[in-house]
């Protein structure tokens, strides 16, 4: 990220989660993507190199969590949903499975990429909230989807409307990309929890406290909550987007998982979207609107126009 920044000739950037391509007019400020493990990289970067950050936004995975390793993650497990005797690793069982049998964990995805990408990106289900998630069983089952050797080929035929893809062409683009690269390299993110924690704790500045604007976006029943109520929170300018139906990160329902972010991001905004973990794909319009609103209202001098009284000059 530092090399990318240097190559642009700039010394600071707005690091924006997942939707930067929707804001071409902001390209001069170098926007970047952060979702899932992208957040791990982003939050490590913001903690260790805050002098290179104008603002930052992340989707689904909050600050002060995954970049501090599995040790930190396990502190946040909701034991009302995941009793320790039955679910020692809570919903994070799959992360321990990577450490236990990495090659088996990774090979499963490559065995049938179209079937996996179809099944793994179904839309969020409100009935799943508050119940043990499927990923809580991976270590016990000795593999994904009940311990199967590969995804069921029938998953290839899941109707498009049940997935987060907006078209078959989009789905085919995902498949082509993953068939080109495979999953092994991306899965390697899960193999360095202890190293990630040590690096972040050793190199972070200001005890990990972030003073610049931050946005966090997660998932909730967006249609039932007025936009103003969703966006307005006591803290100020670090932005996080919550996905309501994400049973793994569960940021919308588990305050422990958000504790570090709310304590250390001094200028935080949070927003919630009724969606699954893949919130940007499932609800792109809502996510883009949240990020645009945040950039306009909270990141001074970034948006190419300003409000004029009650009237917009855009």
C-alpha atoms as a PDB file:
ATOM      1  CA  UNK A   1       0.000   0.000   0.000  1.00  0.00           C
ATOM      2  CA  UNK A   2       2.880   2.348   0.714  1.00  0.00           C
ATOM      3  CA  UNK A   3       4.440   1.491  -2.637  1.00  0.00           C
ATOM      4  CA  UNK A   4       1.145   2.175  -4.401  1.00  0.00           C
ATOM      5  CA  UNK A   5       0.803   5.497  -2.614  1.00  0.00           C
ATOM      6  CA  UNK A   6       4.380   6.494  -3.450  1.00  0.00           C
ATOM      7  CA  UNK A   7       3.859   5.626  -7.102  1.00  0.00           C
ATOM      8  CA  UNK A   8       1.058   8.203  -7.305  1.00  0.00           C
ATOM      9  CA  UNK A   9       3.330  10.928  -5.976  1.00  0.00           C
ATOM     10  CA  UNK A  10       1.107  11.504  -2.935  1.00  0.00           C
ATOM     11  CA  UNK A  11       1.813  11.025   0.745  1.00  0.00           C
ATOM     12  CA  UNK A  12      -1.790  10.552   2.002  1.00  0.00           C
ATOM     13  CA  UNK A  13      -4.959   8.866   0.768  1.00  0.00           C
ATOM     14  CA  UNK A  14      -8.583   8.199   1.544  1.00  0.00           C
ATOM     15  CA  UNK A  15      -8.773   4.418   1.854  1.00  0.00           C
ATOM     16  CA  UNK A  16     -12.396   3.615   0.997  1.00  0.00           C
ATOM     17  CA  UNK A  17     -14.112   0.246   1.318  1.00  0.00           C
ATOM     18  CA  UNK A  18     -15.152  -1.688  -1.751  1.00  0.00           C
ATOM     19  CA  UNK A  19     -16.879   0.977  -3.816  1.00  0.00           C
ATOM     20  CA  UNK A  20     -14.124   3.329  -4.944  1.00  0.00           C
ATOM     21  CA  UNK A  21     -14.802   2.644  -8.635  1.00  0.00           C
ATOM     22  CA  UNK A  22     -18.137   4.403  -8.191  1.00  0.00           C
ATOM     23  CA  UNK A  23     -16.371   7.685  -7.437  1.00  0.00           C
ATOM     24  CA  UNK A  24     -14.111   8.459 -10.423  1.00  0.00           C
ATOM     25  CA  UNK A  25     -14.011  12.147  -9.488  1.00  0.00           C
ATOM     26  CA  UNK A  26     -12.218  11.178  -6.282  1.00  0.00           C
ATOM     27  CA  UNK A  27      -9.442   9.281  -8.061  1.00  0.00           C
ATOM     28  CA  UNK A  28      -7.016  12.114  -7.346  1.00  0.00           C
ATOM     29  CA  UNK A  29      -7.224  11.168  -3.665  1.00  0.00           C
ATOM     30  CA  UNK A  30      -6.433   7.478  -4.320  1.00  0.00           C
ATOM     31  CA  UNK A  31      -9.323   5.462  -2.970  1.00  0.00           C
ATOM     32  CA  UNK A  32      -8.856   1.783  -2.181  1.00  0.00           C
ATOM     33  CA  UNK A  33     -10.908  -1.273  -1.185  1.00  0.00           C
ATOM     34  CA  UNK A  34     -11.386  -2.916   2.207  1.00  0.00           C
ATOM     35  CA  UNK A  35     -13.676  -5.862   2.894  1.00  0.00           C
ATOM     36  CA  UNK A  36     -13.055  -9.064   4.841  1.00  0.00           C
ATOM     37  CA  UNK A  37      -9.273  -9.715   4.786  1.00  0.00           C
ATOM     38  CA  UNK A  38      -8.897  -6.456   2.888  1.00  0.00           C
ATOM     39  CA  UNK A  39      -9.921  -4.887   6.183  1.00  0.00           C
ATOM     40  CA  UNK A  40      -7.127  -6.800   7.890  1.00  0.00           C
ATOM     41  CA  UNK A  41      -4.636  -5.062   5.617  1.00  0.00           C
ATOM     42  CA  UNK A  42      -6.396  -1.712   5.867  1.00  0.00           C
ATOM     43  CA  UNK A  43      -6.630  -1.656   9.647  1.00  0.00           C
ATOM     44  CA  UNK A  44      -2.999  -2.737  10.023  1.00  0.00           C
ATOM     45  CA  UNK A  45      -2.014   0.054   7.664  1.00  0.00           C
ATOM     46  CA  UNK A  46      -4.079   2.698   9.455  1.00  0.00           C
ATOM     47  CA  UNK A  47      -2.684   1.662  12.856  1.00  0.00           C
ATOM     48  CA  UNK A  48       0.938   1.564  11.715  1.00  0.00           C
ATOM     49  CA  UNK A  49       0.937   4.388   9.159  1.00  0.00           C
ATOM     50  CA  UNK A  50      -1.724   6.907  10.236  1.00  0.00           C
ATOM     51  CA  UNK A  51       0.357   9.713   8.781  1.00  0.00           C
ATOM     52  CA  UNK A  52      -0.551   8.393   5.323  1.00  0.00           C
ATOM     53  CA  UNK A  53      -4.319   8.360   5.942  1.00  0.00           C
ATOM     54  CA  UNK A  54      -6.801  11.143   5.293  1.00  0.00           C
ATOM     55  CA  UNK A  55      -9.692   8.831   6.160  1.00  0.00           C
ATOM     56  CA  UNK A  56     -10.610   5.152   5.921  1.00  0.00           C
ATOM     57  CA  UNK A  57     -13.704   2.992   5.435  1.00  0.00           C
ATOM     58  CA  UNK A  58     -14.233  -0.730   5.869  1.00  0.00           C
ATOM     59  CA  UNK A  59     -16.972  -3.263   5.277  1.00  0.00           C
ATOM     60  CA  UNK A  60     -18.035  -5.962   7.754  1.00  0.00           C
ATOM     61  CA  UNK A  61     -14.725  -6.537   9.594  1.00  0.00           C
ATOM     62  CA  UNK A  62     -14.080  -3.881  12.266  1.00  0.00           C
ATOM     63  CA  UNK A  63     -10.853  -2.289  13.394  1.00  0.00           C
ATOM     64  CA  UNK A  64      -8.953  -3.953  16.228  1.00  0.00           C
ATOM     65  CA  UNK A  65     -10.001  -7.485  15.322  1.00  0.00           C
ATOM     66  CA  UNK A  66      -8.573  -9.622  12.537  1.00  0.00           C
ATOM     67  CA  UNK A  67      -5.276  -7.731  12.307  1.00  0.00           C
ATOM     68  CA  UNK A  68      -4.690  -8.749  15.936  1.00  0.00           C
ATOM     69  CA  UNK A  69      -5.038 -12.441  15.164  1.00  0.00           C
ATOM     70  CA  UNK A  70      -7.254 -15.308  16.204  1.00  0.00           C
ATOM     71  CA  UNK A  71      -6.321 -14.673  19.828  1.00  0.00           C
ATOM     72  CA  UNK A  72      -8.114 -11.324  19.715  1.00  0.00           C
ATOM     73  CA  UNK A  73     -11.017 -12.604  17.620  1.00  0.00           C
ATOM     74  CA  UNK A  74     -11.888 -15.342  20.121  1.00  0.00           C
ATOM     75  CA  UNK A  75     -12.336 -12.754  22.878  1.00  0.00           C
ATOM     76  CA  UNK A  76     -15.415 -11.496  21.061  1.00  0.00           C
ATOM     77  CA  UNK A  77     -17.371 -14.777  20.719  1.00  0.00           C
ATOM     78  CA  UNK A  78     -20.954 -14.503  21.957  1.00  0.00           C
ATOM     79  CA  UNK A  79     -21.148 -17.453  24.344  1.00  0.00           C
ATOM     80  CA  UNK A  80     -24.935 -17.166  24.534  1.00  0.00           C
ATOM     81  CA  UNK A  81     -24.989 -18.407  20.939  1.00  0.00           C
ATOM     82  CA  UNK A  82     -21.782 -20.438  21.029  1.00  0.00           C
ATOM     83  CA  UNK A  83     -21.344 -22.224  24.403  1.00  0.00           C
ATOM     84  CA  UNK A  84     -17.641 -22.850  24.924  1.00  0.00           C
ATOM     85  CA  UNK A  85     -17.994 -26.592  25.594  1.00  0.00           C
ATOM     86  CA  UNK A  86     -19.745 -27.091  22.244  1.00  0.00           C
ATOM     87  CA  UNK A  87     -18.147 -24.323  20.183  1.00  0.00           C
ATOM     88  CA  UNK A  88     -14.680 -23.605  21.619  1.00  0.00           C
ATOM     89  CA  UNK A  89     -13.839 -21.403  18.616  1.00  0.00           C
ATOM     90  CA  UNK A  90     -17.357 -20.016  18.176  1.00  0.00           C
ATOM     91  CA  UNK A  91     -18.213 -18.960  14.644  1.00  0.00           C
ATOM     92  CA  UNK A  92     -14.476 -18.747  13.936  1.00  0.00           C
ATOM     93  CA  UNK A  93     -14.003 -22.518  13.832  1.00  0.00           C
ATOM     94  CA  UNK A  94     -13.184 -22.329  10.144  1.00  0.00           C
ATOM     95  CA  UNK A  95     -10.200 -20.081  10.848  1.00  0.00           C
ATOM     96  CA  UNK A  96      -8.769 -22.693  13.186  1.00  0.00           C
ATOM     97  CA  UNK A  97      -9.388 -25.324  10.505  1.00  0.00           C
ATOM     98  CA  UNK A  98      -7.079 -23.419   8.166  1.00  0.00           C
ATOM     99  CA  UNK A  99      -4.351 -23.638  10.792  1.00  0.00           C
ATOM    100  CA  UNK A 100      -5.053 -27.341  11.378  1.00  0.00           C
ATOM    101  CA  UNK A 101      -5.193 -28.564   7.744  1.00  0.00           C
ATOM    102  CA  UNK A 102      -4.516 -25.720   5.347  1.00  0.00           C
ATOM    103  CA  UNK A 103      -4.093 -27.780   2.188  1.00  0.00           C
ATOM    104  CA  UNK A 104      -7.396 -29.584   2.682  1.00  0.00           C
ATOM    105  CA  UNK A 105      -9.178 -26.352   3.544  1.00  0.00           C
ATOM    106  CA  UNK A 106      -7.968 -24.645   0.378  1.00  0.00           C
ATOM    107  CA  UNK A 107      -8.313 -27.581  -2.025  1.00  0.00           C
ATOM    108  CA  UNK A 108     -12.058 -27.790  -1.383  1.00  0.00           C
ATOM    109  CA  UNK A 109     -12.730 -24.480  -3.141  1.00  0.00           C
ATOM    110  CA  UNK A 110     -10.641 -25.266  -6.202  1.00  0.00           C
ATOM    111  CA  UNK A 111     -12.361 -28.656  -6.620  1.00  0.00           C
ATOM    112  CA  UNK A 112     -15.457 -26.963  -8.104  1.00  0.00           C
ATOM    113  CA  UNK A 113     -15.129 -23.202  -8.278  1.00  0.00           C
ATOM    114  CA  UNK A 114     -18.491 -22.452  -9.972  1.00  0.00           C
ATOM    115  CA  UNK A 115     -20.410 -24.540  -7.418  1.00  0.00           C
ATOM    116  CA  UNK A 116     -18.616 -22.954  -4.485  1.00  0.00           C
ATOM    117  CA  UNK A 117     -19.012 -19.383  -5.722  1.00  0.00           C
ATOM    118  CA  UNK A 118     -22.709 -19.957  -6.329  1.00  0.00           C
ATOM    119  CA  UNK A 119     -23.364 -21.489  -2.901  1.00  0.00           C
ATOM    120  CA  UNK A 120     -21.151 -19.201  -0.849  1.00  0.00           C
ATOM    121  CA  UNK A 121     -22.737 -16.016  -2.091  1.00  0.00           C
ATOM    122  CA  UNK A 122     -26.403 -16.471  -1.419  1.00  0.00           C
ATOM    123  CA  UNK A 123     -28.284 -13.483  -0.065  1.00  0.00           C
ATOM    124  CA  UNK A 124     -28.664 -12.827   3.629  1.00  0.00           C
ATOM    125  CA  UNK A 125     -31.392 -14.574   5.603  1.00  0.00           C
ATOM    126  CA  UNK A 126     -32.852 -12.754   8.641  1.00  0.00           C
ATOM    127  CA  UNK A 127     -33.800 -16.116  10.184  1.00  0.00           C
ATOM    128  CA  UNK A 128     -30.102 -16.942  10.580  1.00  0.00           C
ATOM    129  CA  UNK A 129     -29.461 -14.083  13.007  1.00  0.00           C
ATOM    130  CA  UNK A 130     -28.920 -15.159  16.610  1.00  0.00           C
ATOM    131  CA  UNK A 131     -28.266 -18.804  15.690  1.00  0.00           C
ATOM    132  CA  UNK A 132     -24.961 -20.686  15.268  1.00  0.00           C
ATOM    133  CA  UNK A 133     -23.558 -20.047  11.814  1.00  0.00           C
ATOM    134  CA  UNK A 134     -22.470 -22.785   9.422  1.00  0.00           C
ATOM    135  CA  UNK A 135     -18.804 -21.851   9.767  1.00  0.00           C
ATOM    136  CA  UNK A 136     -18.921 -22.786  13.469  1.00  0.00           C
ATOM    137  CA  UNK A 137     -18.931 -26.486  12.498  1.00  0.00           C
ATOM    138  CA  UNK A 138     -16.017 -26.613  10.062  1.00  0.00           C
ATOM    139  CA  UNK A 139     -13.318 -27.790  12.457  1.00  0.00           C
ATOM    140  CA  UNK A 140     -15.557 -30.425  14.049  1.00  0.00           C
ATOM    141  CA  UNK A 141     -16.759 -31.657  10.642  1.00  0.00           C
ATOM    142  CA  UNK A 142     -13.213 -31.815   9.325  1.00  0.00           C
ATOM    143  CA  UNK A 143     -14.075 -29.638   6.356  1.00  0.00           C
ATOM    144  CA  UNK A 144     -16.512 -27.316   4.652  1.00  0.00           C
ATOM    145  CA  UNK A 145     -20.222 -27.936   4.103  1.00  0.00           C
ATOM    146  CA  UNK A 146     -20.427 -30.876   6.474  1.00  0.00           C
ATOM    147  CA  UNK A 147     -16.950 -32.179   5.725  1.00  0.00           C
ATOM    148  CA  UNK A 148     -17.567 -32.857   2.033  1.00  0.00           C
ATOM    149  CA  UNK A 149     -14.578 -33.425  -0.237  1.00  0.00           C
ATOM    150  CA  UNK A 150     -15.826 -30.856  -2.735  1.00  0.00           C
ATOM    151  CA  UNK A 151     -18.862 -28.605  -3.282  1.00  0.00           C
ATOM    152  CA  UNK A 152     -22.004 -30.371  -4.454  1.00  0.00           C
ATOM    153  CA  UNK A 153     -22.261 -29.886  -8.251  1.00  0.00           C
ATOM    154  CA  UNK A 154     -25.966 -29.120  -7.753  1.00  0.00           C
ATOM    155  CA  UNK A 155     -24.935 -25.782  -6.257  1.00  0.00           C
ATOM    156  CA  UNK A 156     -24.057 -24.605  -9.759  1.00  0.00           C
ATOM    157  CA  UNK A 157     -27.790 -24.424 -10.443  1.00  0.00           C
ATOM    158  CA  UNK A 158     -28.837 -22.238  -7.523  1.00  0.00           C
ATOM    159  CA  UNK A 159     -31.166 -19.618  -9.091  1.00  0.00           C
ATOM    160  CA  UNK A 160     -29.470 -16.294  -9.685  1.00  0.00           C
ATOM    161  CA  UNK A 161     -32.097 -14.382  -7.692  1.00  0.00           C
ATOM    162  CA  UNK A 162     -31.020 -16.221  -4.529  1.00  0.00           C
ATOM    163  CA  UNK A 163     -27.437 -14.991  -4.906  1.00  0.00           C
ATOM    164  CA  UNK A 164     -25.697 -11.621  -4.616  1.00  0.00           C
ATOM    165  CA  UNK A 165     -24.783 -11.571  -8.329  1.00  0.00           C
ATOM    166  CA  UNK A 166     -26.632  -9.053 -10.469  1.00  0.00           C
ATOM    167  CA  UNK A 167     -26.304 -11.145 -13.642  1.00  0.00           C
ATOM    168  CA  UNK A 168     -24.941 -14.404 -14.991  1.00  0.00           C
ATOM    169  CA  UNK A 169     -22.204 -12.384 -16.689  1.00  0.00           C
ATOM    170  CA  UNK A 170     -21.070 -11.077 -13.308  1.00  0.00           C
ATOM    171  CA  UNK A 171     -21.078 -14.582 -11.879  1.00  0.00           C
ATOM    172  CA  UNK A 172     -19.038 -15.845 -14.825  1.00  0.00           C
ATOM    173  CA  UNK A 173     -16.508 -13.047 -14.292  1.00  0.00           C
ATOM    174  CA  UNK A 174     -16.050 -14.162 -10.676  1.00  0.00           C
ATOM    175  CA  UNK A 175     -15.595 -17.762 -11.809  1.00  0.00           C
ATOM    176  CA  UNK A 176     -13.086 -16.848 -14.510  1.00  0.00           C
ATOM    177  CA  UNK A 177     -11.050 -14.769 -12.082  1.00  0.00           C
ATOM    178  CA  UNK A 178     -10.857 -17.520  -9.474  1.00  0.00           C
ATOM    179  CA  UNK A 179     -10.141 -20.222 -12.036  1.00  0.00           C
ATOM    180  CA  UNK A 180      -7.189 -18.109 -13.148  1.00  0.00           C
ATOM    181  CA  UNK A 181      -5.708 -17.583  -9.685  1.00  0.00           C
ATOM    182  CA  UNK A 182      -7.087 -20.416  -7.571  1.00  0.00           C
ATOM    183  CA  UNK A 183      -7.807 -20.013  -3.858  1.00  0.00           C
ATOM    184  CA  UNK A 184      -4.483 -21.039  -2.314  1.00  0.00           C
ATOM    185  CA  UNK A 185      -2.823 -17.615  -2.234  1.00  0.00           C
ATOM    186  CA  UNK A 186      -5.889 -15.829  -0.876  1.00  0.00           C
ATOM    187  CA  UNK A 187      -6.416 -18.547   1.730  1.00  0.00           C
ATOM    188  CA  UNK A 188      -2.889 -17.922   2.983  1.00  0.00           C
ATOM    189  CA  UNK A 189      -4.281 -14.876   4.787  1.00  0.00           C
ATOM    190  CA  UNK A 190      -5.548 -17.331   7.393  1.00  0.00           C
ATOM    191  CA  UNK A 191      -2.125 -18.801   8.146  1.00  0.00           C
ATOM    192  CA  UNK A 192      -0.405 -15.872   9.853  1.00  0.00           C
ATOM    193  CA  UNK A 193      -2.505 -14.858  12.836  1.00  0.00           C
ATOM    194  CA  UNK A 194       0.369 -14.785  15.308  1.00  0.00           C
ATOM    195  CA  UNK A 195       2.671 -12.904  12.923  1.00  0.00           C
ATOM    196  CA  UNK A 196      -0.027 -10.394  12.086  1.00  0.00           C
ATOM    197  CA  UNK A 197      -0.684  -9.719  15.749  1.00  0.00           C
ATOM    198  CA  UNK A 198       2.999  -9.323  16.576  1.00  0.00           C
ATOM    199  CA  UNK A 199       3.585  -6.947  13.646  1.00  0.00           C
ATOM    200  CA  UNK A 200       0.604  -4.752  14.428  1.00  0.00           C
ATOM    201  CA  UNK A 201       1.288  -4.488  18.158  1.00  0.00           C
ATOM    202  CA  UNK A 202       4.966  -3.734  17.553  1.00  0.00           C
ATOM    203  CA  UNK A 203       4.494  -1.113  14.852  1.00  0.00           C
ATOM    204  CA  UNK A 204       1.210   0.658  15.591  1.00  0.00           C
ATOM    205  CA  UNK A 205       1.390   4.308  16.592  1.00  0.00           C
ATOM    206  CA  UNK A 206      -0.528   6.259  19.248  1.00  0.00           C
ATOM    207  CA  UNK A 207      -1.406   2.982  20.996  1.00  0.00           C
ATOM    208  CA  UNK A 208      -3.552   2.110  17.993  1.00  0.00           C
ATOM    209  CA  UNK A 209      -5.863   5.094  18.412  1.00  0.00           C
ATOM    210  CA  UNK A 210      -7.054   6.659  15.143  1.00  0.00           C
ATOM    211  CA  UNK A 211      -7.919  10.350  15.004  1.00  0.00           C
ATOM    212  CA  UNK A 212      -8.918  10.763  11.343  1.00  0.00           C
ATOM    213  CA  UNK A 213     -12.410  10.024   9.902  1.00  0.00           C
ATOM    214  CA  UNK A 214     -13.366   6.326   9.766  1.00  0.00           C
ATOM    215  CA  UNK A 215     -16.488   4.622   8.385  1.00  0.00           C
ATOM    216  CA  UNK A 216     -17.710   1.116   9.201  1.00  0.00           C
ATOM    217  CA  UNK A 217     -20.498  -0.530   7.191  1.00  0.00           C
ATOM    218  CA  UNK A 218     -22.261  -3.659   8.421  1.00  0.00           C
ATOM    219  CA  UNK A 219     -25.620  -5.348   7.939  1.00  0.00           C
ATOM    220  CA  UNK A 220     -29.090  -4.727   9.480  1.00  0.00           C
ATOM    221  CA  UNK A 221     -32.763  -4.520   8.394  1.00  0.00           C
ATOM    222  CA  UNK A 222     -32.003  -1.387   6.403  1.00  0.00           C
ATOM    223  CA  UNK A 223     -35.520  -0.970   5.040  1.00  0.00           C
ATOM    224  CA  UNK A 224     -36.945  -0.761   8.561  1.00  0.00           C
ATOM    225  CA  UNK A 225     -34.613   1.972   9.807  1.00  0.00           C
ATOM    226  CA  UNK A 226     -34.660   5.567   8.533  1.00  0.00           C
ATOM    227  CA  UNK A 227     -31.422   6.488   6.774  1.00  0.00           C
ATOM    228  CA  UNK A 228     -30.744   9.339   9.193  1.00  0.00           C
ATOM    229  CA  UNK A 229     -31.139   7.049  12.194  1.00  0.00           C
ATOM    230  CA  UNK A 230     -28.855   4.445  10.666  1.00  0.00           C
ATOM    231  CA  UNK A 231     -26.126   6.954   9.997  1.00  0.00           C
ATOM    232  CA  UNK A 232     -26.268   8.996  13.189  1.00  0.00           C
ATOM    233  CA  UNK A 233     -24.193   7.545  16.029  1.00  0.00           C
ATOM    234  CA  UNK A 234     -22.511   9.166  19.055  1.00  0.00           C
ATOM    235  CA  UNK A 235     -18.948   8.785  17.741  1.00  0.00           C
ATOM    236  CA  UNK A 236     -17.812  10.759  14.778  1.00  0.00           C
ATOM    237  CA  UNK A 237     -15.757  10.153  11.636  1.00  0.00           C
ATOM    238  CA  UNK A 238     -14.262   6.656  11.285  1.00  0.00           C
ATOM    239  CA  UNK A 239     -16.746   4.808   9.102  1.00  0.00           C
ATOM    240  CA  UNK A 240     -17.779   1.153   9.351  1.00  0.00           C
ATOM    241  CA  UNK A 241     -20.560  -0.548   7.352  1.00  0.00           C
ATOM    242  CA  UNK A 242     -22.428  -3.361   9.147  1.00  0.00           C
ATOM    243  CA  UNK A 243     -24.119  -6.272   7.319  1.00  0.00           C
ATOM    244  CA  UNK A 244     -27.087  -7.347   9.425  1.00  0.00           C
ATOM    245  CA  UNK A 245     -27.277 -10.976   8.328  1.00  0.00           C
ATOM    246  CA  UNK A 246     -23.563 -11.762   8.659  1.00  0.00           C
ATOM    247  CA  UNK A 247     -23.545 -14.560  11.234  1.00  0.00           C
ATOM    248  CA  UNK A 248     -19.745 -14.716  11.322  1.00  0.00           C
ATOM    249  CA  UNK A 249     -18.661 -11.139  11.928  1.00  0.00           C
ATOM    250  CA  UNK A 250     -22.047 -10.385  13.561  1.00  0.00           C
ATOM    251  CA  UNK A 251     -21.131  -6.742  14.135  1.00  0.00           C
ATOM    252  CA  UNK A 252     -24.774  -5.644  14.113  1.00  0.00           C
ATOM    253  CA  UNK A 253     -25.679  -7.748  17.158  1.00  0.00           C
ATOM    254  CA  UNK A 254     -22.503  -8.389  19.173  1.00  0.00           C
ATOM    255  CA  UNK A 255     -21.114  -5.264  20.888  1.00  0.00           C
ATOM    256  CA  UNK A 256     -17.939  -7.108  21.927  1.00  0.00           C
ATOM    257  CA  UNK A 257     -16.813  -7.446  18.345  1.00  0.00           C
ATOM    258  CA  UNK A 258     -17.086  -3.676  17.880  1.00  0.00           C
ATOM    259  CA  UNK A 259     -15.557  -2.693  21.232  1.00  0.00           C
ATOM    260  CA  UNK A 260     -11.995  -2.002  20.072  1.00  0.00           C
ATOM    261  CA  UNK A 261     -13.148   0.013  17.083  1.00  0.00           C
ATOM    262  CA  UNK A 262     -15.570   2.141  19.078  1.00  0.00           C
ATOM    263  CA  UNK A 263     -12.950   2.766  21.736  1.00  0.00           C
ATOM    264  CA  UNK A 264      -9.992   3.533  19.479  1.00  0.00           C
ATOM    265  CA  UNK A 265     -11.504   5.230  16.428  1.00  0.00           C
ATOM    266  CA  UNK A 266     -12.083   8.703  17.754  1.00  0.00           C
ATOM    267  CA  UNK A 267     -13.921   9.981  14.698  1.00  0.00           C
ATOM    268  CA  UNK A 268     -16.189   7.058  13.802  1.00  0.00           C
ATOM    269  CA  UNK A 269     -19.374   6.714  11.788  1.00  0.00           C
ATOM    270  CA  UNK A 270     -21.270   3.431  11.514  1.00  0.00           C
ATOM    271  CA  UNK A 271     -23.915   2.381   9.018  1.00  0.00           C
ATOM    272  CA  UNK A 272     -25.979  -0.781   8.656  1.00  0.00           C
ATOM    273  CA  UNK A 273     -27.345  -2.549   5.599  1.00  0.00           C
ATOM    274  CA  UNK A 274     -29.803  -5.431   5.419  1.00  0.00           C
ATOM    275  CA  UNK A 275     -27.526  -7.944   3.695  1.00  0.00           C
ATOM    276  CA  UNK A 276     -25.170 -10.881   4.040  1.00  0.00           C
ATOM    277  CA  UNK A 277     -21.395 -10.781   4.501  1.00  0.00           C
ATOM    278  CA  UNK A 278     -20.966  -9.815   0.846  1.00  0.00           C
ATOM    279  CA  UNK A 279     -22.743  -6.561   1.479  1.00  0.00           C
ATOM    280  CA  UNK A 280     -21.233  -4.585  -1.409  1.00  0.00           C
ATOM    281  CA  UNK A 281     -22.327  -7.155  -3.971  1.00  0.00           C
ATOM    282  CA  UNK A 282     -25.772  -7.705  -2.456  1.00  0.00           C
ATOM    283  CA  UNK A 283     -26.661  -4.052  -1.835  1.00  0.00           C
ATOM    284  CA  UNK A 284     -24.294  -1.939  -3.979  1.00  0.00           C
ATOM    285  CA  UNK A 285     -26.601   1.091  -4.192  1.00  0.00           C
ATOM    286  CA  UNK A 286     -26.975   1.318  -0.416  1.00  0.00           C
ATOM    287  CA  UNK A 287     -23.250   0.867   0.214  1.00  0.00           C
ATOM    288  CA  UNK A 288     -22.301   3.435  -2.409  1.00  0.00           C
ATOM    289  CA  UNK A 289     -24.820   5.915  -0.971  1.00  0.00           C
ATOM    290  CA  UNK A 290     -23.428   5.503   2.540  1.00  0.00           C
ATOM    291  CA  UNK A 291     -19.856   6.036   1.399  1.00  0.00           C
ATOM    292  CA  UNK A 292     -20.806   9.049  -0.729  1.00  0.00           C
ATOM    293  CA  UNK A 293     -22.713  10.617   2.191  1.00  0.00           C
ATOM    294  CA  UNK A 294     -19.772  10.056   4.513  1.00  0.00           C
ATOM    295  CA  UNK A 295     -17.218  11.496   2.095  1.00  0.00           C
ATOM    296  CA  UNK A 296     -19.374  14.551   1.493  1.00  0.00           C
ATOM    297  CA  UNK A 297     -20.268  15.270   5.107  1.00  0.00           C
ATOM    298  CA  UNK A 298     -17.341  13.974   7.155  1.00  0.00           C
ATOM    299  CA  UNK A 299     -14.124  14.096   5.124  1.00  0.00           C
ATOM    300  CA  UNK A 300     -13.363  17.770   4.741  1.00  0.00           C
ATOM    301  CA  UNK A 301     -12.118  19.001   1.408  1.00  0.00           C
ATOM    302  CA  UNK A 302     -12.393  15.664  -0.412  1.00  0.00           C
ATOM    303  CA  UNK A 303     -15.705  15.902  -2.244  1.00  0.00           C
ATOM    304  CA  UNK A 304     -15.495  18.202  -5.315  1.00  0.00           C
ATOM    305  CA  UNK A 305     -18.569  20.192  -4.192  1.00  0.00           C
ATOM    306  CA  UNK A 306     -20.223  21.287  -0.944  1.00  0.00           C
ATOM    307  CA  UNK A 307     -23.724  21.821   0.430  1.00  0.00           C
ATOM    308  CA  UNK A 308     -25.020  25.380   0.133  1.00  0.00           C
ATOM    309  CA  UNK A 309     -27.423  25.892   3.001  1.00  0.00           C
ATOM    310  CA  UNK A 310     -30.374  23.556   2.470  1.00  0.00           C
ATOM    311  CA  UNK A 311     -29.728  23.262  -1.242  1.00  0.00           C
ATOM    312  CA  UNK A 312     -27.131  20.981  -2.792  1.00  0.00           C
ATOM    313  CA  UNK A 313     -24.768  22.465  -5.340  1.00  0.00           C
ATOM    314  CA  UNK A 314     -24.231  19.004  -6.880  1.00  0.00           C
END
